[in-house]
C-alpha cells in the first residue's frame, strides 16, 4: 500500500504523466466535462469533497506554474477565490470568461470532479517543472 501522497490511483497516474504546461482541471459538481476529456469523479455528495480540500491535496503533489480561473469567480465566489489564491503561492493567475474556461477543459489531460456546490469553483492547473 502507498505510504504517502495521493491514494486515488487515477489522479496519481495523471500527475505522474504530466509534462511542462500540460493541464488538469479541478471542478465543481456542475462543471460540464467534455466527452473527450478524462473524468475523475470524486463527488460523493453535495459539498464532499470540497473544491478547496481537493485543490490542497493536488498542490501537495503537483508543480503548478500558472492557473486559469473564470472571470466570474471575482464577483460570484470571492471566498473560494481568496482561499484559492492563498494556496497558490507564486503561480501566475489568468482569468477568462466562463464560456472560454469550458472550452479550455477540452485540452486538459483530466477533469477532477468534486462535490463542490458553490458557483465558479473551477480551476485549470498548468504544470510546471521541478527544476529551473
Protein backbone atom coordinates (compact mmCIF):
# COMPACT_ATOMS: atom_id res chain seq x y z
CA UNK A 1 0.00 0.00 0.00
CA UNK A 2 1.18 3.52 -0.80
CA UNK A 3 2.64 5.23 2.27
CA UNK A 4 2.08 8.89 1.43
CA UNK A 5 0.74 11.23 -1.21
CA UNK A 6 -2.41 10.85 -3.26
CA UNK A 7 -4.11 7.49 -2.80
CA UNK A 8 -6.51 7.87 -5.73
CA UNK A 9 -4.84 5.78 -8.43
CA UNK A 10 -6.35 7.75 -11.32
CA UNK A 11 -5.15 11.12 -10.01
CA UNK A 12 -1.75 9.72 -9.10
CA UNK A 13 -1.34 8.32 -12.62
CA UNK A 14 -2.37 11.56 -14.33
CA UNK A 15 0.00 13.65 -12.21
CA UNK A 16 2.91 11.31 -12.93
CA UNK A 17 2.29 11.65 -16.67
CA UNK A 18 2.14 15.46 -16.78
CA UNK A 19 4.76 17.36 -18.71
CA UNK A 20 5.58 21.04 -18.64
CA UNK A 21 2.50 23.18 -19.44
CA UNK A 22 0.10 20.19 -19.52
CA UNK A 23 -3.16 20.98 -17.74
CA UNK A 24 -5.65 19.36 -15.40
CA UNK A 25 -8.92 20.82 -14.13
CA UNK A 26 -10.48 20.69 -10.70
CA UNK A 27 -14.17 21.45 -11.00
CA UNK A 28 -17.35 21.80 -9.02
CA UNK A 29 -20.06 19.18 -9.45
CA UNK A 30 -21.85 21.26 -12.09
CA UNK A 31 -18.97 21.89 -14.50
CA UNK A 32 -19.73 20.24 -17.84
CA UNK A 33 -16.98 17.80 -18.80
CA UNK A 34 -16.33 17.23 -22.49
CA UNK A 35 -16.80 13.62 -23.64
CA UNK A 36 -13.24 13.55 -25.00
CA UNK A 37 -11.68 14.55 -21.65
CA UNK A 38 -10.93 12.01 -18.92
CA UNK A 39 -13.32 12.40 -15.97
CA UNK A 40 -12.08 11.52 -12.49
CA UNK A 41 -15.22 11.72 -10.38
CA UNK A 42 -14.63 12.21 -6.66
CA UNK A 43 -18.10 13.60 -5.86
CA UNK A 44 -19.74 11.67 -3.03
CA UNK A 45 -22.49 14.08 -2.05
CA UNK A 46 -23.13 17.82 -2.22
CA UNK A 47 -20.06 19.55 -0.81
CA UNK A 48 -17.96 16.41 -0.42
CA UNK A 49 -15.16 16.52 -1.24
CA UNK A 50 -14.87 20.28 -1.37
CA UNK A 51 -13.04 22.18 -4.08
CA UNK A 52 -10.53 23.60 -1.58
CA UNK A 53 -9.79 20.22 0.05
CA UNK A 54 -9.18 18.70 -3.37
CA UNK A 55 -7.02 21.61 -4.52
CA UNK A 56 -4.89 21.41 -1.35
CA UNK A 57 -4.14 17.72 -1.89
CA UNK A 58 -3.31 18.18 -5.58
CA UNK A 59 -0.99 21.12 -4.85
CA UNK A 60 0.97 18.96 -2.40
CA UNK A 61 1.89 16.67 -5.29
CA UNK A 62 1.99 18.91 -8.39
CA UNK A 63 4.25 21.75 -9.51
CA UNK A 64 1.94 24.49 -10.78
CA UNK A 65 3.35 27.46 -12.67
CA UNK A 66 0.08 29.03 -13.78
CA UNK A 67 -3.66 28.75 -13.18
CA UNK A 68 -6.70 29.75 -15.16
CA UNK A 69 -9.92 30.79 -13.43
CA UNK A 70 -13.25 32.07 -14.67
CA UNK A 71 -13.56 35.85 -14.54
CA UNK A 72 -16.96 35.40 -12.87
CA UNK A 73 -15.38 33.97 -9.69
CA UNK A 74 -14.25 37.50 -8.77
CA UNK A 75 -17.86 38.58 -8.22
CA UNK A 76 -19.73 35.33 -7.65
CA UNK A 77 -17.44 33.43 -5.24
CA UNK A 78 -14.96 35.70 -3.50
CA UNK A 79 -14.41 33.36 -0.55
CA UNK A 80 -13.28 30.46 -2.77
CA UNK A 81 -11.16 32.87 -4.84
CA UNK A 82 -9.38 34.20 -1.75
CA UNK A 83 -8.70 30.70 -0.38
CA UNK A 84 -7.50 29.53 -3.79
CA UNK A 85 -5.11 32.43 -4.28
CA UNK A 86 -3.78 31.85 -0.77
CA UNK A 87 -2.87 28.27 -1.65
CA UNK A 88 -1.18 29.04 -4.97
CA UNK A 89 2.00 30.74 -3.81
CA UNK A 90 3.82 32.37 -6.71
CA UNK A 91 1.88 30.71 -9.55
CA UNK A 92 0.66 33.17 -12.19
CA UNK A 93 -3.11 33.60 -12.48
CA UNK A 94 -5.15 34.40 -15.57
CA UNK A 95 -8.87 34.99 -15.86
CA UNK A 96 -11.10 34.13 -18.81
CA UNK A 97 -14.85 34.08 -19.34
CA UNK A 98 -16.63 31.00 -18.03
CA UNK A 99 -17.50 30.08 -21.62
CA UNK A 100 -13.81 30.22 -22.60
CA UNK A 101 -12.93 28.24 -19.46
CA UNK A 102 -15.28 25.44 -20.53
CA UNK A 103 -13.64 25.40 -23.98
CA UNK A 104 -10.19 25.09 -22.39
CA UNK A 105 -11.25 21.99 -20.45
CA UNK A 106 -11.21 20.10 -23.76
CA UNK A 107 -7.40 20.40 -23.81
CA UNK A 108 -6.91 19.14 -20.24
CA UNK A 109 -5.46 15.72 -19.51
CA UNK A 110 -8.27 15.21 -16.99
CA UNK A 111 -11.08 16.92 -15.11
CA UNK A 112 -11.35 16.06 -11.43
CA UNK A 113 -14.98 16.48 -10.39
CA UNK A 114 -15.57 17.39 -6.74
CA UNK A 115 -18.77 17.64 -4.74
CA UNK A 116 -18.43 21.44 -4.54
CA UNK A 117 -21.73 23.28 -4.94
CA UNK A 118 -20.63 26.91 -4.95
CA UNK A 119 -20.50 28.85 -8.26
CA UNK A 120 -17.38 29.02 -10.41
CA UNK A 121 -15.31 26.82 -8.08
CA UNK A 122 -13.23 25.59 -11.01
CA UNK A 123 -9.54 25.90 -11.85
CA UNK A 124 -7.19 24.86 -14.61
CA UNK A 125 -3.75 23.97 -13.28
CA UNK A 126 -0.82 24.34 -15.70
CA UNK A 127 2.06 22.04 -14.82
CA UNK A 128 5.47 23.48 -14.06
CA UNK A 129 8.78 21.68 -13.68
CA UNK A 130 10.76 20.66 -10.60
CA UNK A 131 13.97 22.20 -11.97
CA UNK A 132 14.83 25.74 -13.04
